[in-house]
Protein backbone atom coordinates (compact mmCIF):
# COMPACT_ATOMS: atom_id res chain seq x y z
CA MET A 1 72.43 117.61 123.90
CA ASP A 2 72.29 114.08 124.74
CA GLU A 3 74.96 111.44 122.16
CA GLN A 4 72.08 110.97 120.50
CA GLU A 5 72.07 114.54 119.55
CA PHE A 6 75.02 115.41 118.80
CA GLU A 7 75.38 111.65 117.09
CA ALA A 8 72.87 112.94 114.84
CA ALA A 9 74.99 116.22 114.83
CA LEU A 10 77.89 115.01 113.71
CA SER A 11 75.60 113.56 111.11
CA LEU A 12 74.51 116.10 109.56
CA LEU A 13 78.31 118.67 109.69
CA VAL A 14 79.73 115.24 107.98
CA GLY A 15 77.30 115.25 105.38
CA GLN A 16 76.99 119.54 104.80
CA MET A 17 80.87 118.63 104.17
CA GLU A 18 81.20 117.17 101.11
CA ASN A 19 79.23 119.97 99.99
CA GLU A 20 81.75 121.21 98.28
CA ASP A 21 79.84 125.66 99.00
CA VAL A 22 79.94 124.89 102.40
CA ASP A 23 81.93 127.58 104.01
CA SER A 24 84.42 125.59 105.95
CA HIS A 25 85.19 128.04 108.71
CA GLU A 26 81.77 128.26 109.54
CA ILE A 27 82.40 123.60 109.44
CA PHE A 28 84.79 124.48 111.92
CA MET A 29 82.86 126.74 114.19
CA ARG A 30 79.85 124.32 114.20
CA LEU A 31 82.15 120.59 115.02
CA THR A 32 84.34 122.66 117.62
CA ALA A 33 80.64 123.66 119.72
CA ILE A 34 79.52 120.35 118.86
CA LEU A 35 82.79 118.42 120.59
CA ASN A 36 83.14 121.12 123.10
CA GLY A 37 79.29 119.84 124.80
CA MET A 38 81.20 116.02 124.13
CA LYS A 39 83.96 116.93 126.47
CA ALA A 40 82.12 118.79 128.47
CA LEU A 41 79.30 115.34 128.92
CA GLY A 42 82.38 113.83 130.12
CA MET A 43 81.82 111.58 126.31
CA PRO A 44 84.18 109.99 124.18
CA LEU A 45 85.62 112.35 121.49
CA PRO A 46 86.15 111.06 117.91
CA ALA A 47 90.20 110.78 117.80
CA ASP A 48 89.29 111.55 113.91
CA LEU A 49 86.76 114.60 114.10
CA VAL A 50 89.86 115.17 117.10
CA ALA A 51 92.26 115.77 113.87
CA MET A 52 90.71 117.13 111.43
CA GLN A 53 89.37 119.86 113.99
CA ALA A 54 93.41 120.50 114.41
CA GLU A 55 93.50 120.89 111.51
CA MET A 56 91.44 123.12 110.62
CA ALA A 57 92.45 125.34 113.54
CA GLU A 58 96.06 125.47 112.67
CA GLU A 59 94.66 127.32 109.48
CA PHE A 60 92.33 129.00 111.36
CA ALA A 61 95.14 130.26 113.82
CA VAL A 62 94.95 133.66 113.36
CA PRO A 63 99.48 134.28 113.09
CA ASP A 64 101.25 136.58 116.31
CA GLU A 65 101.71 140.62 114.70
CA GLY A 66 105.73 141.27 114.75
CA GLU A 67 105.55 137.95 113.36
CA GLY A 68 105.33 137.97 109.17
CA SER A 69 103.55 140.95 109.11
CA GLY A 70 105.99 143.88 108.30
CA THR A 71 105.89 145.70 111.00
CA VAL A 72 108.54 147.60 112.92
CA ALA A 73 107.82 147.54 116.88
């Protein structure tokens, strides 16, 4: 992808984020893929989208086993 394709993909993604019916995990996965592609090409990453991706990563993080899972080791 070149810079224009990334900009178009981000624009489409932001537009879809405004739609309440879109799965937030799908948005997270697509945003992560776009940002990773931009990073791989050495392109500057939009700080607001990096922050949003970090917040979403925390939301979708898988808890470590044993922490609050109720299992005994």
